[in-house]
Amino acid sequence: MADNKAYTGVDLHHVKEAICVDTNRVYDSCADKDCLADLRVYLTDCAQNVIENASAVRGKSAEILNCIVEVEKVPFNRGCYSVDLTFFVKVCLDAITCPTAPPTTVEGLVTFGKKCILYGSEGNVKIFTSTYIPGGTDEQCAMGNTNPTAKVQCVDPIILDAKLCKICDCCNTLGDNCDAIPNNICRCFEGKFTCCCEKAVKITLGIFTIIQLERDVQMLIPAYDFCIPTKECSCDTEDPCDTFKRINFPLDEFFPPNAKNDSCAPAFNPNGSCGCGK
C-alpha cells in the first residue's frame, strides 16, 4: 500500500521485532444519513394534558438516551450478520397553548428501529480466561466466544419538523402498549407514559450513524521501541497571572472575521433579481 499515508516517513529498518497483540478488528462498517418522518412522540400524563390544550408545537432539542443493539447470523449467507438497532430519543418541545402566553416546555420519547447487514467473518472458538482478586480466590470468568460485536456511533438527532396530529396520522412505533418502554428509559421522565389520548405529536428527525462490526483477533505488528516518556513531570505552581498573559487576545470573539463565502453570497443580477429564481 504505497499510497497509505499512515506509513509516510516510517523507517522500516528501525523495526526491532514483530509482536502479537490482541485487539478488535473492524471487518465491515457503514455510514447512514436517515430522515425519519412522522414519528409519534410518546408523552407522560402531565405532558399529555398540556398537548391536549395546545394549538401548535415546535421542536427544541433531541437527545439519544439509549440504543439497543442485537447481532444475528444471516441464514444462507456465511459470514454475514444482521445488526438491529432500537433507538430511544428524548425530545424537548414547546407547546403553544395561548397566543399571548409564553409556550410551555414538555418532554417526550421517540423510538425507532434501524437494520443493516454487515460482514463479520466466522469463528467458532470458545474463550476461557481467569481473573485475580487480591486476598480472594482465583475465579474463572464467564466463557466468551469470537462472535462479532456491533459498535454504533451517532450524534444527537436534528428535529426537522414537529406538529399536532391524530394518532392515526403518525408512525406509532409502540402501538398502544406504553408498557413496552424499558424502565431505565421511563426513569428519565417525570410521570407515567400514556398511550390513550385525543391529540398526538408527530416529529421528523434527521440522524447520522456509523455502524461497525468488530471481532477480537490476534494481529502481528512491528515494534520500534518501548514508549519511554521524554517529558519531565512538573510540580511547579505557576502564577495564574503569568499563565493568563500567555493567552492570546480573542479578537475573533469581539470582531467576527469578515471571511467571504461565495457559496453563501447571493448572485448578482443586473435586472434587480436576488439571484434566487425570483
C-alpha atoms as a PDB file:
ATOM      1  CA  MET A   1       0.000   0.000   0.000  1.00  0.00           C
ATOM      2  CA  ALA A   2       2.354   2.678  -1.282  1.00  0.00           C
ATOM      3  CA  ASP A   3      -0.298   5.403  -1.101  1.00  0.00           C
ATOM      4  CA  ASN A   4      -1.151   4.790   2.582  1.00  0.00           C
ATOM      5  CA  LYS A   5      -0.241   7.999   4.393  1.00  0.00           C
ATOM      6  CA  ALA A   6      -0.007   6.182   7.715  1.00  0.00           C
ATOM      7  CA  TYR A   7       3.356   4.774   6.635  1.00  0.00           C
ATOM      8  CA  THR A   8       4.816   8.032   5.363  1.00  0.00           C
ATOM      9  CA  GLY A   9       8.197   8.750   6.958  1.00  0.00           C
ATOM     10  CA  VAL A  10       8.463   5.386   8.780  1.00  0.00           C
ATOM     11  CA  ASP A  11      11.890   3.773   8.527  1.00  0.00           C
ATOM     12  CA  LEU A  12      11.280   0.039   8.487  1.00  0.00           C
ATOM     13  CA  HIS A  13      14.989  -0.579   9.124  1.00  0.00           C
ATOM     14  CA  HIS A  14      14.461   0.515  12.735  1.00  0.00           C
ATOM     15  CA  VAL A  15      11.857  -2.172  13.444  1.00  0.00           C
ATOM     16  CA  LYS A  16      13.242  -4.225  16.348  1.00  0.00           C
ATOM     17  CA  GLU A  17      10.767  -7.105  16.399  1.00  0.00           C
ATOM     18  CA  ALA A  18       7.296  -8.257  15.455  1.00  0.00           C
ATOM     19  CA  ILE A  19       4.900  -8.583  18.384  1.00  0.00           C
ATOM     20  CA  CYS A  20       1.462 -10.167  18.679  1.00  0.00           C
ATOM     21  CA  VAL A  21      -1.344  -8.052  20.122  1.00  0.00           C
ATOM     22  CA  ASP A  22      -4.929  -8.951  20.985  1.00  0.00           C
ATOM     23  CA  THR A  23      -7.275  -6.264  19.658  1.00  0.00           C
ATOM     24  CA  ASN A  24     -10.584  -5.620  17.900  1.00  0.00           C
ATOM     25  CA  ARG A  25     -10.504  -5.524  14.124  1.00  0.00           C
ATOM     26  CA  VAL A  26     -13.247  -3.812  12.118  1.00  0.00           C
ATOM     27  CA  TYR A  27     -14.388  -6.270   9.455  1.00  0.00           C
ATOM     28  CA  ASP A  28     -17.154  -4.152   7.956  1.00  0.00           C
ATOM     29  CA  SER A  29     -18.798  -0.780   8.530  1.00  0.00           C
ATOM     30  CA  CYS A  30     -21.365   1.558   7.027  1.00  0.00           C
ATOM     31  CA  ALA A  31     -22.417   5.182   7.449  1.00  0.00           C
ATOM     32  CA  ASP A  32     -26.011   6.360   7.089  1.00  0.00           C
ATOM     33  CA  LYS A  33     -27.877   9.654   6.931  1.00  0.00           C
ATOM     34  CA  ASP A  34     -31.531   8.938   7.766  1.00  0.00           C
ATOM     35  CA  CYS A  35     -34.583  11.179   7.678  1.00  0.00           C
ATOM     36  CA  LEU A  36     -37.309   9.643   9.848  1.00  0.00           C
ATOM     37  CA  ALA A  37     -40.672  11.247   9.186  1.00  0.00           C
ATOM     38  CA  ASP A  38     -43.904  11.347  11.182  1.00  0.00           C
ATOM     39  CA  LEU A  39     -42.678   9.531  14.295  1.00  0.00           C
ATOM     40  CA  ARG A  40     -45.041   9.665  17.258  1.00  0.00           C
ATOM     41  CA  VAL A  41     -43.851  11.395  20.416  1.00  0.00           C
ATOM     42  CA  TYR A  42     -44.902   9.411  23.485  1.00  0.00           C
ATOM     43  CA  LEU A  43     -45.760  11.677  26.412  1.00  0.00           C
ATOM     44  CA  THR A  44     -46.291  11.267  30.124  1.00  0.00           C
ATOM     45  CA  ASP A  45     -49.670  12.092  31.679  1.00  0.00           C
ATOM     46  CA  CYS A  46     -48.559  15.604  32.713  1.00  0.00           C
ATOM     47  CA  ALA A  47     -47.157  16.468  29.292  1.00  0.00           C
ATOM     48  CA  GLN A  48     -50.203  14.986  27.533  1.00  0.00           C
ATOM     49  CA  ASN A  49     -52.517  17.332  29.433  1.00  0.00           C
ATOM     50  CA  VAL A  50     -50.556  20.281  28.035  1.00  0.00           C
ATOM     51  CA  ILE A  51     -50.688  18.908  24.486  1.00  0.00           C
ATOM     52  CA  GLU A  52     -54.468  18.387  24.675  1.00  0.00           C
ATOM     53  CA  ASN A  53     -54.865  22.159  25.181  1.00  0.00           C
ATOM     54  CA  ALA A  54     -52.169  23.186  22.678  1.00  0.00           C
ATOM     55  CA  SER A  55     -52.805  24.759  19.297  1.00  0.00           C
ATOM     56  CA  ALA A  56     -49.306  24.196  17.901  1.00  0.00           C
ATOM     57  CA  VAL A  57     -45.914  22.732  18.821  1.00  0.00           C
ATOM     58  CA  ARG A  58     -42.350  23.315  17.753  1.00  0.00           C
ATOM     59  CA  GLY A  59     -39.229  21.258  18.342  1.00  0.00           C
ATOM     60  CA  LYS A  60     -36.365  22.452  20.534  1.00  0.00           C
ATOM     61  CA  SER A  61     -33.844  19.663  21.006  1.00  0.00           C
ATOM     62  CA  ALA A  62     -33.334  15.907  20.852  1.00  0.00           C
ATOM     63  CA  GLU A  63     -31.039  13.613  22.839  1.00  0.00           C
ATOM     64  CA  ILE A  64     -30.325   9.902  22.369  1.00  0.00           C
ATOM     65  CA  LEU A  65     -30.910   8.135  25.687  1.00  0.00           C
ATOM     66  CA  ASN A  66     -30.027   4.606  24.633  1.00  0.00           C
ATOM     67  CA  CYS A  67     -29.557   2.318  21.664  1.00  0.00           C
ATOM     68  CA  ILE A  68     -30.229  -1.409  21.968  1.00  0.00           C
ATOM     69  CA  VAL A  69     -28.011  -3.409  19.595  1.00  0.00           C
ATOM     70  CA  GLU A  70     -28.667  -7.007  18.539  1.00  0.00           C
ATOM     71  CA  VAL A  71     -26.496  -9.108  16.216  1.00  0.00           C
ATOM     72  CA  GLU A  72     -27.837 -12.223  14.483  1.00  0.00           C
ATOM     73  CA  LYS A  73     -26.447 -14.514  11.784  1.00  0.00           C
ATOM     74  CA  VAL A  74     -27.937 -14.179   8.315  1.00  0.00           C
ATOM     75  CA  PRO A  75     -29.189 -17.592   7.085  1.00  0.00           C
ATOM     76  CA  PHE A  76     -27.608 -18.994   3.904  1.00  0.00           C
ATOM     77  CA  ASN A  77     -25.059 -16.167   3.801  1.00  0.00           C
ATOM     78  CA  ARG A  78     -21.908 -17.260   5.613  1.00  0.00           C
ATOM     79  CA  GLY A  79     -20.017 -14.586   7.481  1.00  0.00           C
ATOM     80  CA  CYS A  80     -22.821 -12.011   7.281  1.00  0.00           C
ATOM     81  CA  TYR A  81     -24.789 -10.709  10.243  1.00  0.00           C
ATOM     82  CA  SER A  82     -27.827  -8.508  10.650  1.00  0.00           C
ATOM     83  CA  VAL A  83     -27.466  -5.624  13.086  1.00  0.00           C
ATOM     84  CA  ASP A  84     -30.772  -4.489  14.589  1.00  0.00           C
ATOM     85  CA  LEU A  85     -30.809  -1.128  16.363  1.00  0.00           C
ATOM     86  CA  THR A  86     -33.539   0.328  18.542  1.00  0.00           C
ATOM     87  CA  PHE A  87     -33.080   3.996  19.429  1.00  0.00           C
ATOM     88  CA  PHE A  88     -34.728   5.812  22.333  1.00  0.00           C
ATOM     89  CA  VAL A  89     -34.644   9.599  21.883  1.00  0.00           C
ATOM     90  CA  LYS A  90     -35.714  12.236  24.386  1.00  0.00           C
ATOM     91  CA  VAL A  91     -37.202  15.283  22.649  1.00  0.00           C
ATOM     92  CA  CYS A  92     -37.971  18.706  24.076  1.00  0.00           C
ATOM     93  CA  LEU A  93     -40.952  20.578  22.628  1.00  0.00           C
ATOM     94  CA  ASP A  94     -42.548  23.986  23.012  1.00  0.00           C
ATOM     95  CA  ALA A  95     -46.340  23.701  23.243  1.00  0.00           C
ATOM     96  CA  ILE A  96     -48.277  26.858  22.355  1.00  0.00           C
ATOM     97  CA  THR A  97     -51.494  26.955  24.337  1.00  0.00           C
ATOM     98  CA  CYS A  98     -52.300  30.677  24.120  1.00  0.00           C
ATOM     99  CA  PRO A  99     -51.082  33.250  21.557  1.00  0.00           C
ATOM    100  CA  THR A 100     -50.429  35.833  24.267  1.00  0.00           C
ATOM    101  CA  ALA A 101     -48.704  33.466  26.733  1.00  0.00           C
ATOM    102  CA  PRO A 102     -45.199  32.029  26.540  1.00  0.00           C
ATOM    103  CA  PRO A 103     -45.001  28.413  25.319  1.00  0.00           C
ATOM    104  CA  THR A 104     -44.919  25.531  27.762  1.00  0.00           C
ATOM    105  CA  THR A 105     -41.929  23.196  27.505  1.00  0.00           C
ATOM    106  CA  VAL A 106     -42.722  19.472  27.547  1.00  0.00           C
ATOM    107  CA  GLU A 107     -40.573  16.385  27.106  1.00  0.00           C
ATOM    108  CA  GLY A 108     -41.438  13.213  25.262  1.00  0.00           C
ATOM    109  CA  LEU A 109     -39.977   9.982  23.941  1.00  0.00           C
ATOM    110  CA  VAL A 110     -39.417   8.918  20.342  1.00  0.00           C
ATOM    111  CA  THR A 111     -38.367   5.371  19.487  1.00  0.00           C
ATOM    112  CA  PHE A 112     -37.457   3.908  16.109  1.00  0.00           C
ATOM    113  CA  GLY A 113     -35.585   0.942  14.663  1.00  0.00           C
ATOM    114  CA  LYS A 114     -32.872   0.522  12.072  1.00  0.00           C
ATOM    115  CA  LYS A 115     -31.393  -2.591  10.459  1.00  0.00           C
ATOM    116  CA  CYS A 116     -28.355  -3.302   8.306  1.00  0.00           C
ATOM    117  CA  ILE A 117     -26.383  -6.339   7.158  1.00  0.00           C
ATOM    118  CA  LEU A 118     -22.593  -6.375   7.516  1.00  0.00           C
ATOM    119  CA  TYR A 119     -19.807  -8.882   7.002  1.00  0.00           C
ATOM    120  CA  GLY A 120     -18.232 -10.168  10.226  1.00  0.00           C
ATOM    121  CA  SER A 121     -16.358 -13.308   9.106  1.00  0.00           C
ATOM    122  CA  GLU A 122     -16.650 -16.584  11.004  1.00  0.00           C
ATOM    123  CA  GLY A 123     -15.246 -18.003  14.207  1.00  0.00           C
ATOM    124  CA  ASN A 124     -16.418 -20.798  16.486  1.00  0.00           C
ATOM    125  CA  VAL A 125     -13.797 -20.975  19.234  1.00  0.00           C
ATOM    126  CA  LYS A 126     -14.651 -20.684  22.928  1.00  0.00           C
ATOM    127  CA  ILE A 127     -12.641 -18.372  25.172  1.00  0.00           C
ATOM    128  CA  PHE A 128     -11.823 -19.015  28.834  1.00  0.00           C
ATOM    129  CA  THR A 129      -9.950 -16.501  30.992  1.00  0.00           C
ATOM    130  CA  SER A 130      -9.270 -16.003  34.673  1.00  0.00           C
ATOM    131  CA  THR A 131      -9.290 -13.008  36.953  1.00  0.00           C
ATOM    132  CA  TYR A 132      -7.235 -12.385  40.071  1.00  0.00           C
ATOM    133  CA  ILE A 133      -8.644 -10.640  43.145  1.00  0.00           C
ATOM    134  CA  PRO A 134      -6.099  -9.721  45.841  1.00  0.00           C
ATOM    135  CA  GLY A 135      -6.971 -11.531  49.069  1.00  0.00           C
ATOM    136  CA  GLY A 136      -9.553 -13.655  47.275  1.00  0.00           C
ATOM    137  CA  THR A 137      -9.695 -16.780  45.164  1.00  0.00           C
ATOM    138  CA  ASP A 138      -8.648 -17.118  41.552  1.00  0.00           C
ATOM    139  CA  GLU A 139     -12.066 -17.154  39.893  1.00  0.00           C
ATOM    140  CA  GLN A 140     -12.950 -18.126  36.362  1.00  0.00           C
ATOM    141  CA  CYS A 141     -14.507 -15.510  34.109  1.00  0.00           C
ATOM    142  CA  ALA A 142     -17.646 -16.302  32.149  1.00  0.00           C
ATOM    143  CA  MET A 143     -16.990 -18.146  28.907  1.00  0.00           C
ATOM    144  CA  GLY A 144     -16.762 -15.958  25.823  1.00  0.00           C
ATOM    145  CA  ASN A 145     -16.534 -16.559  22.105  1.00  0.00           C
ATOM    146  CA  THR A 146     -15.334 -14.869  18.958  1.00  0.00           C
ATOM    147  CA  ASN A 147     -18.729 -13.802  17.679  1.00  0.00           C
ATOM    148  CA  PRO A 148     -18.534 -10.305  16.172  1.00  0.00           C
ATOM    149  CA  THR A 149     -19.783  -7.352  18.159  1.00  0.00           C
ATOM    150  CA  ALA A 150     -21.519  -4.302  16.751  1.00  0.00           C
ATOM    151  CA  LYS A 151     -20.428  -0.781  17.600  1.00  0.00           C
ATOM    152  CA  VAL A 152     -22.704   2.175  16.872  1.00  0.00           C
ATOM    153  CA  GLN A 153     -21.564   5.789  16.731  1.00  0.00           C
ATOM    154  CA  CYS A 154     -24.161   8.512  16.387  1.00  0.00           C
ATOM    155  CA  VAL A 155     -24.821  12.142  17.153  1.00  0.00           C
ATOM    156  CA  ASP A 156     -27.974  13.556  18.682  1.00  0.00           C
ATOM    157  CA  PRO A 157     -30.700  13.859  16.028  1.00  0.00           C
ATOM    158  CA  ILE A 158     -31.838  17.116  14.476  1.00  0.00           C
ATOM    159  CA  ILE A 159     -35.533  17.988  14.799  1.00  0.00           C
ATOM    160  CA  LEU A 160     -36.675  18.873  11.282  1.00  0.00           C
ATOM    161  CA  ASP A 161     -40.399  19.236  11.928  1.00  0.00           C
ATOM    162  CA  ALA A 162     -42.991  18.863  14.698  1.00  0.00           C
ATOM    163  CA  LYS A 163     -46.772  19.251  14.557  1.00  0.00           C
ATOM    164  CA  LEU A 164     -50.007  18.196  16.204  1.00  0.00           C
ATOM    165  CA  CYS A 165     -51.956  15.355  14.620  1.00  0.00           C
ATOM    166  CA  LYS A 166     -54.285  12.444  15.215  1.00  0.00           C
ATOM    167  CA  ILE A 167     -52.839   9.137  16.356  1.00  0.00           C
ATOM    168  CA  CYS A 168     -53.717   7.507  13.048  1.00  0.00           C
ATOM    169  CA  ASP A 169     -51.664  10.105  11.146  1.00  0.00           C
ATOM    170  CA  CYS A 170     -48.299   9.266  12.716  1.00  0.00           C
ATOM    171  CA  CYS A 171     -45.966   6.271  12.805  1.00  0.00           C
ATOM    172  CA  ASN A 172     -46.999   4.564  16.043  1.00  0.00           C
ATOM    173  CA  THR A 173     -43.839   2.556  16.690  1.00  0.00           C
ATOM    174  CA  LEU A 174     -45.034   1.098  20.021  1.00  0.00           C
ATOM    175  CA  GLY A 175     -48.692   0.689  19.118  1.00  0.00           C
ATOM    176  CA  ASP A 176     -50.887   1.177  22.177  1.00  0.00           C
ATOM    177  CA  ASN A 177     -48.501  -0.580  24.541  1.00  0.00           C
ATOM    178  CA  CYS A 178     -46.593   2.034  26.525  1.00  0.00           C
ATOM    179  CA  ASP A 179     -45.554  -0.706  28.955  1.00  0.00           C
ATOM    180  CA  ALA A 180     -43.019  -1.799  26.342  1.00  0.00           C
ATOM    181  CA  ILE A 181     -40.834   1.194  27.236  1.00  0.00           C
ATOM    182  CA  PRO A 182     -37.877  -0.049  29.344  1.00  0.00           C
ATOM    183  CA  ASN A 183     -37.771   1.034  32.976  1.00  0.00           C
ATOM    184  CA  ASN A 184     -34.386   2.729  32.640  1.00  0.00           C
ATOM    185  CA  ILE A 185     -35.882   4.941  29.921  1.00  0.00           C
ATOM    186  CA  CYS A 186     -39.016   5.703  31.969  1.00  0.00           C
ATOM    187  CA  ARG A 187     -36.847   6.947  34.837  1.00  0.00           C
ATOM    188  CA  CYS A 188     -35.601   9.765  32.599  1.00  0.00           C
ATOM    189  CA  PHE A 189     -39.092  11.332  32.580  1.00  0.00           C
ATOM    190  CA  GLU A 190     -41.451  12.678  35.202  1.00  0.00           C
ATOM    191  CA  GLY A 191     -44.800  10.920  35.361  1.00  0.00           C
ATOM    192  CA  LYS A 192     -46.147   7.805  33.696  1.00  0.00           C
ATOM    193  CA  PHE A 193     -46.377   7.325  29.938  1.00  0.00           C
ATOM    194  CA  THR A 194     -49.860   7.168  28.483  1.00  0.00           C
ATOM    195  CA  CYS A 195     -50.911   5.925  25.051  1.00  0.00           C
ATOM    196  CA  CYS A 196     -54.588   6.906  25.312  1.00  0.00           C
ATOM    197  CA  CYS A 197     -55.107  10.435  24.034  1.00  0.00           C
ATOM    198  CA  GLU A 198     -57.022  12.529  21.541  1.00  0.00           C
ATOM    199  CA  LYS A 199     -54.136  14.667  20.294  1.00  0.00           C
ATOM    200  CA  ALA A 200     -50.700  13.385  19.362  1.00  0.00           C
ATOM    201  CA  VAL A 201     -47.429  14.944  18.262  1.00  0.00           C
ATOM    202  CA  LYS A 202     -45.570  13.683  15.214  1.00  0.00           C
ATOM    203  CA  ILE A 203     -41.996  14.628  14.599  1.00  0.00           C
ATOM    204  CA  THR A 204     -39.413  14.313  11.828  1.00  0.00           C
ATOM    205  CA  LEU A 205     -35.820  13.601  12.818  1.00  0.00           C
ATOM    206  CA  GLY A 206     -32.538  13.624  10.920  1.00  0.00           C
ATOM    207  CA  ILE A 207     -29.808  11.355  12.287  1.00  0.00           C
ATOM    208  CA  PHE A 208     -26.277  10.361  11.297  1.00  0.00           C
ATOM    209  CA  THR A 209     -24.907   6.935  12.288  1.00  0.00           C
ATOM    210  CA  ILE A 210     -21.786   4.821  11.764  1.00  0.00           C
ATOM    211  CA  ILE A 211     -22.156   1.080  12.381  1.00  0.00           C
ATOM    212  CA  GLN A 212     -19.143  -1.233  12.702  1.00  0.00           C
ATOM    213  CA  LEU A 213     -18.848  -4.993  13.060  1.00  0.00           C
ATOM    214  CA  GLU A 214     -15.765  -5.941  15.084  1.00  0.00           C
ATOM    215  CA  ARG A 215     -14.114  -9.201  16.041  1.00  0.00           C
ATOM    216  CA  ASP A 216     -11.456  -9.988  18.653  1.00  0.00           C
ATOM    217  CA  VAL A 217      -8.325 -11.115  16.780  1.00  0.00           C
ATOM    218  CA  GLN A 218      -4.584 -11.501  17.281  1.00  0.00           C
ATOM    219  CA  MET A 219      -2.500  -9.371  14.946  1.00  0.00           C
ATOM    220  CA  LEU A 220       1.237  -9.236  14.252  1.00  0.00           C
ATOM    221  CA  ILE A 221       2.574  -5.675  14.222  1.00  0.00           C
ATOM    222  CA  PRO A 222       6.083  -4.167  14.026  1.00  0.00           C
ATOM    223  CA  ALA A 223       7.585  -2.826  17.251  1.00  0.00           C
ATOM    224  CA  TYR A 224      10.123   0.002  17.232  1.00  0.00           C
ATOM    225  CA  ASP A 225      10.890   0.513  20.921  1.00  0.00           C
ATOM    226  CA  PHE A 226       9.305   0.895  24.325  1.00  0.00           C
ATOM    227  CA  CYS A 227       7.214   4.013  24.948  1.00  0.00           C
ATOM    228  CA  ILE A 228       9.556   5.799  27.340  1.00  0.00           C
ATOM    229  CA  PRO A 229       8.258   9.242  28.434  1.00  0.00           C
ATOM    230  CA  THR A 230      10.505  12.086  27.330  1.00  0.00           C
ATOM    231  CA  LYS A 231       8.822  14.874  29.349  1.00  0.00           C
ATOM    232  CA  GLU A 232       9.585  15.501  32.993  1.00  0.00           C
ATOM    233  CA  CYS A 233       6.756  15.781  35.493  1.00  0.00           C
ATOM    234  CA  SER A 234       6.382  19.423  36.500  1.00  0.00           C
ATOM    235  CA  CYS A 235       5.223  20.120  40.046  1.00  0.00           C
ATOM    236  CA  ASP A 236       5.844  23.856  39.982  1.00  0.00           C
ATOM    237  CA  THR A 237       2.851  26.046  40.766  1.00  0.00           C
ATOM    238  CA  GLU A 238       2.752  28.861  38.227  1.00  0.00           C
ATOM    239  CA  ASP A 239       1.474  32.330  38.872  1.00  0.00           C
ATOM    240  CA  PRO A 240      -2.059  32.369  37.395  1.00  0.00           C
ATOM    241  CA  CYS A 241      -1.464  35.895  36.096  1.00  0.00           C
ATOM    242  CA  ASP A 242       1.628  34.722  34.187  1.00  0.00           C
ATOM    243  CA  THR A 243      -0.414  31.904  32.674  1.00  0.00           C
ATOM    244  CA  PHE A 244      -3.123  34.370  31.669  1.00  0.00           C
ATOM    245  CA  LYS A 245      -0.584  36.659  29.994  1.00  0.00           C
ATOM    246  CA  ARG A 246       0.457  33.872  27.629  1.00  0.00           C
ATOM    247  CA  ILE A 247      -3.088  33.520  26.269  1.00  0.00           C
ATOM    248  CA  ASN A 248      -3.665  35.436  23.038  1.00  0.00           C
ATOM    249  CA  PHE A 249      -6.362  38.062  22.994  1.00  0.00           C
ATOM    250  CA  PRO A 250      -9.528  36.523  21.422  1.00  0.00           C
ATOM    251  CA  LEU A 251     -10.059  39.099  18.679  1.00  0.00           C
ATOM    252  CA  ASP A 252     -12.470  36.862  16.759  1.00  0.00           C
ATOM    253  CA  GLU A 253     -14.837  36.806  19.735  1.00  0.00           C
ATOM    254  CA  PHE A 254     -15.108  40.600  19.727  1.00  0.00           C
ATOM    255  CA  PHE A 255     -14.784  41.152  15.973  1.00  0.00           C
ATOM    256  CA  PRO A 256     -16.194  38.255  13.916  1.00  0.00           C
ATOM    257  CA  PRO A 257     -13.977  37.597  10.869  1.00  0.00           C
ATOM    258  CA  ASN A 258     -15.171  39.074   7.602  1.00  0.00           C
ATOM    259  CA  ALA A 259     -14.369  35.973   5.537  1.00  0.00           C
ATOM    260  CA  LYS A 260     -16.110  36.000   2.187  1.00  0.00           C
ATOM    261  CA  ASN A 261     -18.040  32.851   1.409  1.00  0.00           C
ATOM    262  CA  ASP A 262     -19.054  32.727  -2.230  1.00  0.00           C
ATOM    263  CA  SER A 263     -21.400  29.799  -1.649  1.00  0.00           C
ATOM    264  CA  CYS A 264     -23.492  31.873   0.766  1.00  0.00           C
ATOM    265  CA  ALA A 265     -23.451  35.146  -1.157  1.00  0.00           C
ATOM    266  CA  PRO A 266     -26.477  35.824  -3.396  1.00  0.00           C
ATOM    267  CA  ALA A 267     -25.748  36.038  -7.109  1.00  0.00           C
ATOM    268  CA  PHE A 268     -25.811  39.493  -8.627  1.00  0.00           C
ATOM    269  CA  ASN A 269     -28.445  40.120 -11.262  1.00  0.00           C
ATOM    270  CA  PRO A 270     -28.459  43.441 -13.166  1.00  0.00           C
ATOM    271  CA  ASN A 271     -32.234  43.138 -13.633  1.00  0.00           C
ATOM    272  CA  GLY A 272     -32.770  43.611  -9.915  1.00  0.00           C
ATOM    273  CA  SER A 273     -33.458  39.982  -9.132  1.00  0.00           C
ATOM    274  CA  CYS A 274     -31.930  38.468  -5.984  1.00  0.00           C
ATOM    275  CA  GLY A 275     -30.493  35.557  -7.947  1.00  0.00           C
ATOM    276  CA  CYS A 276     -32.741  33.022  -6.202  1.00  0.00           C
ATOM    277  CA  GLY A 277     -35.016  32.483  -9.132  1.00  0.00           C
ATOM    278  CA  LYS A 278     -37.397  35.285  -8.163  1.00  0.00           C
END
